[in-house]
Every structure is written in C-alpha cells, then in structure tokens.
Amino acid sequence: MKYSEIFYSIQGEGQLAGLSSVFFRTSYCNLRCIWCDTPYTSWQPENKDISVEDAVAAILAYDCQQVVITGGEPFMQPQALISLCQQLQQRGLHITIETNGTLFESVEADLLSISPKLANSNPATSNHHSQPHQRLRINQPVLRQFLDYYSCQLKFVVETEPDLVEIQQLQQEMQIPSSTIVLMPQGITSHQIQGKQNWMVEICKQHGYRYSPRLQVDIWGDQRGT
C-alpha cells in the first residue's frame, strides 16, 4: 500500500472524539481541497510502500482496539484496503474508515466517517484541479451505498454560515437523518476554530446535528502525526 504515516493518538473528530486510536494514513487522493490539512497525501503525495501484513503488524504493535484508516482517500487502493480491513477485523479491532465518499468498495468496517466536500473546498478556478474536483466532490450514488450498508457519520467541514444551504439541500435530496450529520469548523488553529464554533453550535441545536470539535488542533495545533 502507498501510505504516509502510522501513529497513535486520540480521535479528534466526530462521534468517537477523545478515544485512543491508531491511525493508518494512506497516500493519494482523487480530490484537491483548497484547505486540505494533509497536503502530503493529496497535493504532493508521499510515496512510501508498506505491505498489508506489515501494516497490520505495525497497527497491532500499539495494543489498541481502535484503528482509523484515513488519508488521502483510502478507497483509491481498494484491494489492499479490503485485505487490510479483513485482517484487522479478524483480530477484533474496531475499524473506522475516513473517506470523502466518492468511491465505494465493500469492506469490513464498524464506522464509515464520510466527509462530502462542499463548494468551500474548491480550488481556485485557475488551478487545473478545479474542474475535476468540482465534478467529483459529491457522488450521491456512492453516498447512498455507504448509508444503506454501514454505520455512518457524514462530517461536513464548514467555513461560513451559507454552507448550511448546501448541506440541507443534500440532506433533503437523500433523506439523510439529522443525527447522522456532523458539522466541523474549518481551521488549522484553535483561534480559527473558536471563531466559528458558537454559531455552528447554534445551528446544530436548531437542526438536530452533531457538533464536532477538532481536538488534535486544540491540543497540538497544526502538527503532523497527531
């Protein structure tokens, strides 16, 4: 598999926030979010190789029951991902896969943490990635498959209040339960996040959404491997 890092930390986001977890971060992504906080997996992807067996051994070495397979976009390496999840599931680990929700494969997983990309993620129109990103960033048939077959959370990166219009439109079109939707502030510093959290919490209260912190940013800032 192509990967960038394996580390032990706490889950900083979503419904499992605060839980000790091993993170296996794959490399390569089919999108190019302008605010991507892991550009070493997307804009300038690292190219390290590891076998599935060695990845499993490295994850098990931390003696932790929670593993988060993240990216980049893990579903870009479907056969390796299927094998990795099978082996981790056989060893009794709880598996979360973090994905942008544009590619589907049937895998063993306990939670699909899906982050559909809103228009706020679009690169500048002058960038050659802009049109492909805009075309690919929301894939409703794939989202439908995940929602129908897995325990899911849909985690939206929110920059400004008008982003809510796009979220609600997708929710209405796909009949997504409000309890499945997680709002998370865009930002790579605690100051940026704190400037958005008050009005975002009010939106969550109003619509029955979940608010997600970004604990890794609050604790370590914009630091890799956390």
C-alpha atoms as a PDB file:
ATOM      1  CA  MET A   1       0.000   0.000   0.000  1.00  0.00           C
ATOM      2  CA  LYS A   2       1.004   3.604  -0.500  1.00  0.00           C
ATOM      3  CA  TYR A   3       0.943   5.372   2.841  1.00  0.00           C
ATOM      4  CA  SER A   4       2.319   8.397   4.626  1.00  0.00           C
ATOM      5  CA  GLU A   5       2.277   7.585   8.346  1.00  0.00           C
ATOM      6  CA  ILE A   6       1.159   5.338  11.200  1.00  0.00           C
ATOM      7  CA  PHE A   7       0.759   6.891  14.639  1.00  0.00           C
ATOM      8  CA  TYR A   8      -1.015   6.516  17.984  1.00  0.00           C
ATOM      9  CA  SER A   9      -3.150   9.358  19.265  1.00  0.00           C
ATOM     10  CA  ILE A  10      -6.760  10.155  20.120  1.00  0.00           C
ATOM     11  CA  GLN A  11      -9.585  10.540  17.651  1.00  0.00           C
ATOM     12  CA  GLY A  12     -10.054  14.283  17.450  1.00  0.00           C
ATOM     13  CA  GLU A  13     -13.277  14.477  15.447  1.00  0.00           C
ATOM     14  CA  GLY A  14     -16.767  13.062  15.118  1.00  0.00           C
ATOM     15  CA  GLN A  15     -18.779  10.770  17.356  1.00  0.00           C
ATOM     16  CA  LEU A  16     -15.701   8.919  18.681  1.00  0.00           C
ATOM     17  CA  ALA A  17     -13.795  12.090  19.621  1.00  0.00           C
ATOM     18  CA  GLY A  18     -11.416  11.570  22.515  1.00  0.00           C
ATOM     19  CA  LEU A  19     -10.991   7.820  22.017  1.00  0.00           C
ATOM     20  CA  SER A  20      -7.443   6.438  21.888  1.00  0.00           C
ATOM     21  CA  SER A  21      -6.811   5.209  18.339  1.00  0.00           C
ATOM     22  CA  VAL A  22      -4.122   4.031  15.955  1.00  0.00           C
ATOM     23  CA  PHE A  23      -4.132   5.981  12.697  1.00  0.00           C
ATOM     24  CA  PHE A  24      -3.041   4.456   9.427  1.00  0.00           C
ATOM     25  CA  ARG A  25      -2.862   7.236   6.845  1.00  0.00           C
ATOM     26  CA  THR A  26      -2.877   6.184   3.219  1.00  0.00           C
ATOM     27  CA  SER A  27      -1.421   8.340   0.486  1.00  0.00           C
ATOM     28  CA  TYR A  28      -3.106   9.712  -2.663  1.00  0.00           C
ATOM     29  CA  CYS A  29      -6.474  11.406  -3.060  1.00  0.00           C
ATOM     30  CA  ASN A  30      -8.800  11.922  -6.016  1.00  0.00           C
ATOM     31  CA  LEU A  31      -9.827  15.381  -4.767  1.00  0.00           C
ATOM     32  CA  ARG A  32      -7.853  18.579  -4.138  1.00  0.00           C
ATOM     33  CA  CYS A  33      -9.485  20.568  -1.349  1.00  0.00           C
ATOM     34  CA  ILE A  34      -8.115  24.090  -1.172  1.00  0.00           C
ATOM     35  CA  TRP A  35      -7.902  23.860   2.625  1.00  0.00           C
ATOM     36  CA  CYS A  36      -6.574  20.276   2.794  1.00  0.00           C
ATOM     37  CA  ASP A  37      -4.748  19.783   6.097  1.00  0.00           C
ATOM     38  CA  THR A  38      -2.775  16.773   4.823  1.00  0.00           C
ATOM     39  CA  PRO A  39      -1.303  18.018   1.515  1.00  0.00           C
ATOM     40  CA  TYR A  40       1.406  15.374   1.800  1.00  0.00           C
ATOM     41  CA  THR A  41      -1.310  12.845   0.863  1.00  0.00           C
ATOM     42  CA  SER A  42      -3.031  14.807  -1.902  1.00  0.00           C
ATOM     43  CA  TRP A  43      -1.394  17.869  -3.459  1.00  0.00           C
ATOM     44  CA  GLN A  44       2.119  16.453  -3.012  1.00  0.00           C
ATOM     45  CA  PRO A  45       1.531  12.822  -2.026  1.00  0.00           C
ATOM     46  CA  GLU A  46       4.252  10.860  -0.354  1.00  0.00           C
ATOM     47  CA  ASN A  47       5.075   7.578  -1.984  1.00  0.00           C
ATOM     48  CA  LYS A  48       6.063   5.198   0.801  1.00  0.00           C
ATOM     49  CA  ASP A  49       5.240   1.496   0.401  1.00  0.00           C
ATOM     50  CA  ILE A  50       4.153  -0.991   3.027  1.00  0.00           C
ATOM     51  CA  SER A  51       2.699  -4.475   2.678  1.00  0.00           C
ATOM     52  CA  VAL A  52      -0.699  -5.199   4.185  1.00  0.00           C
ATOM     53  CA  GLU A  53       0.923  -7.691   6.542  1.00  0.00           C
ATOM     54  CA  ASP A  54       3.472  -5.144   7.767  1.00  0.00           C
ATOM     55  CA  ALA A  55       0.744  -2.526   8.160  1.00  0.00           C
ATOM     56  CA  VAL A  56      -1.287  -4.944  10.307  1.00  0.00           C
ATOM     57  CA  ALA A  57       1.771  -5.739  12.442  1.00  0.00           C
ATOM     58  CA  ALA A  58       2.563  -2.044  12.926  1.00  0.00           C
ATOM     59  CA  ILE A  59      -1.038  -1.299  13.958  1.00  0.00           C
ATOM     60  CA  LEU A  60      -1.217  -4.245  16.367  1.00  0.00           C
ATOM     61  CA  ALA A  61       2.063  -3.201  18.000  1.00  0.00           C
ATOM     62  CA  TYR A  62       0.265  -0.314  19.714  1.00  0.00           C
ATOM     63  CA  ASP A  63      -2.056  -2.732  21.558  1.00  0.00           C
ATOM     64  CA  CYS A  64      -5.087  -0.541  20.904  1.00  0.00           C
ATOM     65  CA  GLN A  65      -8.556  -1.769  19.938  1.00  0.00           C
ATOM     66  CA  GLN A  66      -9.448   1.242  17.783  1.00  0.00           C
ATOM     67  CA  VAL A  67      -7.937   1.790  14.340  1.00  0.00           C
ATOM     68  CA  VAL A  68      -8.687   4.666  11.985  1.00  0.00           C
ATOM     69  CA  ILE A  69      -7.834   4.177   8.313  1.00  0.00           C
ATOM     70  CA  THR A  70      -7.614   7.614   6.818  1.00  0.00           C
ATOM     71  CA  GLY A  71      -5.938   9.508   4.013  1.00  0.00           C
ATOM     72  CA  GLY A  72      -5.704  10.834   1.472  1.00  0.00           C
ATOM     73  CA  GLU A  73      -8.504   8.642   0.187  1.00  0.00           C
ATOM     74  CA  PRO A  74      -8.243   5.006   1.344  1.00  0.00           C
ATOM     75  CA  PHE A  75     -10.673   3.717  -1.294  1.00  0.00           C
ATOM     76  CA  MET A  76      -8.201   4.630  -4.050  1.00  0.00           C
ATOM     77  CA  GLN A  77      -6.385   1.405  -3.106  1.00  0.00           C
ATOM     78  CA  PRO A  78      -9.428  -0.895  -2.943  1.00  0.00           C
ATOM     79  CA  GLN A  79      -7.871  -4.371  -2.984  1.00  0.00           C
ATOM     80  CA  ALA A  80      -5.263  -3.506  -0.370  1.00  0.00           C
ATOM     81  CA  LEU A  81      -7.930  -1.786   1.747  1.00  0.00           C
ATOM     82  CA  ILE A  82     -10.199  -4.833   1.575  1.00  0.00           C
ATOM     83  CA  SER A  83      -7.357  -7.103   2.703  1.00  0.00           C
ATOM     84  CA  LEU A  84      -6.236  -4.723   5.466  1.00  0.00           C
ATOM     85  CA  CYS A  85      -9.750  -4.437   6.879  1.00  0.00           C
ATOM     86  CA  GLN A  86     -10.299  -8.201   6.739  1.00  0.00           C
ATOM     87  CA  GLN A  87      -7.141  -8.885   8.703  1.00  0.00           C
ATOM     88  CA  LEU A  88      -7.861  -6.191  11.284  1.00  0.00           C
ATOM     89  CA  GLN A  89     -11.457  -7.372  11.675  1.00  0.00           C
ATOM     90  CA  GLN A  90     -10.273 -10.948  12.220  1.00  0.00           C
ATOM     91  CA  ARG A  91      -8.169  -9.663  15.131  1.00  0.00           C
ATOM     92  CA  GLY A  92     -11.161  -7.983  16.739  1.00  0.00           C
ATOM     93  CA  LEU A  93     -10.282  -4.345  16.151  1.00  0.00           C
ATOM     94  CA  HIS A  94     -12.888  -1.614  15.785  1.00  0.00           C
ATOM     95  CA  ILE A  95     -12.348  -0.124  12.313  1.00  0.00           C
ATOM     96  CA  THR A  96     -13.190   3.425  11.295  1.00  0.00           C
ATOM     97  CA  ILE A  97     -12.574   4.421   7.685  1.00  0.00           C
ATOM     98  CA  GLU A  98     -12.384   8.123   6.901  1.00  0.00           C
ATOM     99  CA  THR A  99     -13.350   8.809   3.291  1.00  0.00           C
ATOM    100  CA  ASN A 100     -14.551  11.609   1.039  1.00  0.00           C
ATOM    101  CA  GLY A 101     -17.437   9.401  -0.091  1.00  0.00           C
ATOM    102  CA  THR A 102     -16.720   9.390  -3.821  1.00  0.00           C
ATOM    103  CA  LEU A 103     -15.554   5.765  -4.239  1.00  0.00           C
ATOM    104  CA  PHE A 104     -17.230   2.604  -2.990  1.00  0.00           C
ATOM    105  CA  GLU A 105     -15.988  -0.892  -2.215  1.00  0.00           C
ATOM    106  CA  SER A 106     -17.439  -3.472   0.140  1.00  0.00           C
ATOM    107  CA  VAL A 107     -15.101  -3.634   3.134  1.00  0.00           C
ATOM    108  CA  GLU A 108     -15.153  -4.743   6.763  1.00  0.00           C
ATOM    109  CA  ALA A 109     -15.706  -1.610   8.857  1.00  0.00           C
ATOM    110  CA  ASP A 110     -17.558  -0.595  12.015  1.00  0.00           C
ATOM    111  CA  LEU A 111     -17.899   3.093  11.140  1.00  0.00           C
ATOM    112  CA  LEU A 112     -17.689   4.989   7.868  1.00  0.00           C
ATOM    113  CA  SER A 113     -16.719   8.573   8.631  1.00  0.00           C
ATOM    114  CA  ILE A 114     -17.669  10.261   5.370  1.00  0.00           C
ATOM    115  CA  SER A 115     -16.686  13.835   4.596  1.00  0.00           C
ATOM    116  CA  PRO A 116     -18.558  15.036   1.497  1.00  0.00           C
ATOM    117  CA  LYS A 117     -16.840  18.141   0.194  1.00  0.00           C
ATOM    118  CA  LEU A 118     -18.801  21.365  -0.036  1.00  0.00           C
ATOM    119  CA  ALA A 119     -18.190  24.168  -2.533  1.00  0.00           C
ATOM    120  CA  ASN A 120     -15.901  25.804   0.026  1.00  0.00           C
ATOM    121  CA  SER A 121     -13.344  23.102  -0.815  1.00  0.00           C
ATOM    122  CA  ASN A 122     -12.995  24.073  -4.484  1.00  0.00           C
ATOM    123  CA  PRO A 123      -9.501  25.070  -5.665  1.00  0.00           C
ATOM    124  CA  ALA A 124      -9.129  28.360  -7.498  1.00  0.00           C
ATOM    125  CA  THR A 125     -10.614  28.232 -10.995  1.00  0.00           C
ATOM    126  CA  SER A 126      -7.169  28.936 -12.434  1.00  0.00           C
ATOM    127  CA  ASN A 127      -5.882  25.649 -10.985  1.00  0.00           C
ATOM    128  CA  HIS A 128      -6.085  22.626 -13.294  1.00  0.00           C
ATOM    129  CA  HIS A 129      -7.525  20.554 -10.417  1.00  0.00           C
ATOM    130  CA  SER A 130     -10.537  22.849 -10.079  1.00  0.00           C
ATOM    131  CA  GLN A 131     -12.894  21.304 -12.644  1.00  0.00           C
ATOM    132  CA  PRO A 132     -12.184  17.642 -11.759  1.00  0.00           C
ATOM    133  CA  HIS A 133     -12.596  18.428  -8.063  1.00  0.00           C
ATOM    134  CA  GLN A 134     -15.890  20.235  -8.637  1.00  0.00           C
ATOM    135  CA  ARG A 135     -17.186  17.372 -10.783  1.00  0.00           C
ATOM    136  CA  LEU A 136     -16.202  14.597  -8.362  1.00  0.00           C
ATOM    137  CA  ARG A 137     -16.627  16.075  -4.885  1.00  0.00           C
ATOM    138  CA  ILE A 138     -20.222  14.862  -4.332  1.00  0.00           C
ATOM    139  CA  ASN A 139     -21.210  11.385  -5.504  1.00  0.00           C
ATOM    140  CA  GLN A 140     -24.747  10.654  -4.340  1.00  0.00           C
ATOM    141  CA  PRO A 141     -24.907   7.024  -5.585  1.00  0.00           C
ATOM    142  CA  VAL A 142     -21.773   6.203  -3.574  1.00  0.00           C
ATOM    143  CA  LEU A 143     -23.069   8.032  -0.511  1.00  0.00           C
ATOM    144  CA  ARG A 144     -26.314   6.065  -0.823  1.00  0.00           C
ATOM    145  CA  GLN A 145     -24.432   2.753  -0.810  1.00  0.00           C
ATOM    146  CA  PHE A 146     -22.483   3.676   2.310  1.00  0.00           C
ATOM    147  CA  LEU A 147     -25.594   4.932   4.113  1.00  0.00           C
ATOM    148  CA  ASP A 148     -27.548   1.789   3.231  1.00  0.00           C
ATOM    149  CA  TYR A 149     -24.935  -0.757   4.270  1.00  0.00           C
ATOM    150  CA  TYR A 150     -22.800   0.799   7.026  1.00  0.00           C
ATOM    151  CA  SER A 151     -22.976   2.712  10.249  1.00  0.00           C
ATOM    152  CA  CYS A 152     -22.077   6.207   9.011  1.00  0.00           C
ATOM    153  CA  GLN A 153     -21.458   9.744  10.066  1.00  0.00           C
ATOM    154  CA  LEU A 154     -21.458  12.490   7.424  1.00  0.00           C
ATOM    155  CA  LYS A 155     -18.898  15.021   8.601  1.00  0.00           C
ATOM    156  CA  PHE A 156     -19.066  18.372   6.824  1.00  0.00           C
ATOM    157  CA  VAL A 157     -16.233  20.896   7.006  1.00  0.00           C
ATOM    158  CA  VAL A 158     -17.990  24.235   7.457  1.00  0.00           C
ATOM    159  CA  GLU A 159     -16.390  27.597   6.728  1.00  0.00           C
ATOM    160  CA  THR A 160     -19.278  30.094   6.743  1.00  0.00           C
ATOM    161  CA  GLU A 161     -22.993  30.008   7.604  1.00  0.00           C
ATOM    162  CA  PRO A 162     -24.103  29.870   3.929  1.00  0.00           C
ATOM    163  CA  ASP A 163     -22.525  26.380   3.747  1.00  0.00           C
ATOM    164  CA  LEU A 164     -25.632  25.205   5.598  1.00  0.00           C
ATOM    165  CA  VAL A 165     -27.744  25.703   2.462  1.00  0.00           C
ATOM    166  CA  GLU A 166     -25.664  23.157   0.569  1.00  0.00           C
ATOM    167  CA  ILE A 167     -25.769  20.696   3.469  1.00  0.00           C
ATOM    168  CA  GLN A 168     -29.532  20.940   3.810  1.00  0.00           C
ATOM    169  CA  GLN A 169     -30.051  20.539   0.079  1.00  0.00           C
ATOM    170  CA  LEU A 170     -28.045  17.302   0.094  1.00  0.00           C
ATOM    171  CA  GLN A 171     -29.856  16.145   3.222  1.00  0.00           C
ATOM    172  CA  GLN A 172     -33.255  16.748   1.626  1.00  0.00           C
ATOM    173  CA  GLU A 173     -32.347  15.128  -1.687  1.00  0.00           C
ATOM    174  CA  MET A 174     -31.004  11.996   0.004  1.00  0.00           C
ATOM    175  CA  GLN A 175     -33.289  11.907   3.059  1.00  0.00           C
ATOM    176  CA  ILE A 176     -30.326  11.829   5.457  1.00  0.00           C
ATOM    177  CA  PRO A 177     -31.273  11.712   9.162  1.00  0.00           C
ATOM    178  CA  SER A 178     -30.148  14.813  11.049  1.00  0.00           C
ATOM    179  CA  SER A 179     -28.491  12.627  13.685  1.00  0.00           C
ATOM    180  CA  THR A 180     -26.095  11.324  11.010  1.00  0.00           C
ATOM    181  CA  ILE A 181     -24.833  14.809  10.105  1.00  0.00           C
ATOM    182  CA  VAL A 182     -21.777  16.227  11.865  1.00  0.00           C
ATOM    183  CA  LEU A 183     -20.648  19.841  11.469  1.00  0.00           C
ATOM    184  CA  MET A 184     -16.975  20.619  11.975  1.00  0.00           C
ATOM    185  CA  PRO A 185     -15.306  24.041  11.684  1.00  0.00           C
ATOM    186  CA  GLN A 186     -12.673  24.540   9.017  1.00  0.00           C
ATOM    187  CA  GLY A 187      -9.400  25.709  10.513  1.00  0.00           C
ATOM    188  CA  ILE A 188      -5.872  24.677  11.384  1.00  0.00           C
ATOM    189  CA  THR A 189      -5.528  26.813  14.551  1.00  0.00           C
ATOM    190  CA  SER A 190      -7.568  26.968  17.749  1.00  0.00           C
ATOM    191  CA  HIS A 191      -8.236  30.645  17.068  1.00  0.00           C
ATOM    192  CA  GLN A 192      -9.782  29.906  13.675  1.00  0.00           C
ATOM    193  CA  ILE A 193     -11.965  27.163  15.132  1.00  0.00           C
ATOM    194  CA  GLN A 194     -13.105  29.181  18.148  1.00  0.00           C
ATOM    195  CA  GLY A 195     -14.215  31.983  15.850  1.00  0.00           C
ATOM    196  CA  LYS A 196     -16.773  29.639  14.265  1.00  0.00           C
ATOM    197  CA  GLN A 197     -17.884  27.296  16.988  1.00  0.00           C
ATOM    198  CA  ASN A 198     -20.529  29.478  18.686  1.00  0.00           C
ATOM    199  CA  TRP A 199     -22.738  29.956  15.622  1.00  0.00           C
ATOM    200  CA  MET A 200     -22.109  26.391  14.483  1.00  0.00           C
ATOM    201  CA  VAL A 201     -23.304  25.019  17.824  1.00  0.00           C
ATOM    202  CA  GLU A 202     -26.484  27.078  17.483  1.00  0.00           C
ATOM    203  CA  ILE A 203     -27.075  25.603  14.015  1.00  0.00           C
ATOM    204  CA  CYS A 204     -26.611  22.093  15.435  1.00  0.00           C
ATOM    205  CA  LYS A 205     -29.105  22.841  18.220  1.00  0.00           C
ATOM    206  CA  GLN A 206     -31.604  24.196  15.714  1.00  0.00           C
ATOM    207  CA  HIS A 207     -31.398  21.293  13.246  1.00  0.00           C
ATOM    208  CA  GLY A 208     -30.501  18.325  15.423  1.00  0.00           C
ATOM    209  CA  TYR A 209     -26.989  17.938  14.002  1.00  0.00           C
ATOM    210  CA  ARG A 210     -23.897  16.906  15.936  1.00  0.00           C
ATOM    211  CA  TYR A 211     -21.091  19.417  16.528  1.00  0.00           C
ATOM    212  CA  SER A 212     -17.576  18.056  16.201  1.00  0.00           C
ATOM    213  CA  PRO A 213     -14.510  19.569  17.846  1.00  0.00           C
ATOM    214  CA  ARG A 214     -11.064  19.240  16.348  1.00  0.00           C
ATOM    215  CA  LEU A 215      -9.252  18.100  19.465  1.00  0.00           C
ATOM    216  CA  GLN A 216      -5.972  17.440  17.682  1.00  0.00           C
ATOM    217  CA  VAL A 217      -5.846  21.114  16.650  1.00  0.00           C
ATOM    218  CA  ASP A 218      -6.789  22.336  20.146  1.00  0.00           C
ATOM    219  CA  ILE A 219      -4.077  20.203  21.749  1.00  0.00           C
ATOM    220  CA  TRP A 220      -1.221  20.129  19.224  1.00  0.00           C
ATOM    221  CA  GLY A 221      -2.037  22.785  16.643  1.00  0.00           C
ATOM    222  CA  ASP A 222      -1.145  22.223  13.001  1.00  0.00           C
ATOM    223  CA  GLN A 223       1.242  19.370  13.787  1.00  0.00           C
ATOM    224  CA  ARG A 224       1.633  16.212  11.805  1.00  0.00           C
ATOM    225  CA  GLY A 225       1.202  12.770  13.377  1.00  0.00           C
ATOM    226  CA  THR A 226      -1.394  13.817  15.947  1.00  0.00           C
END
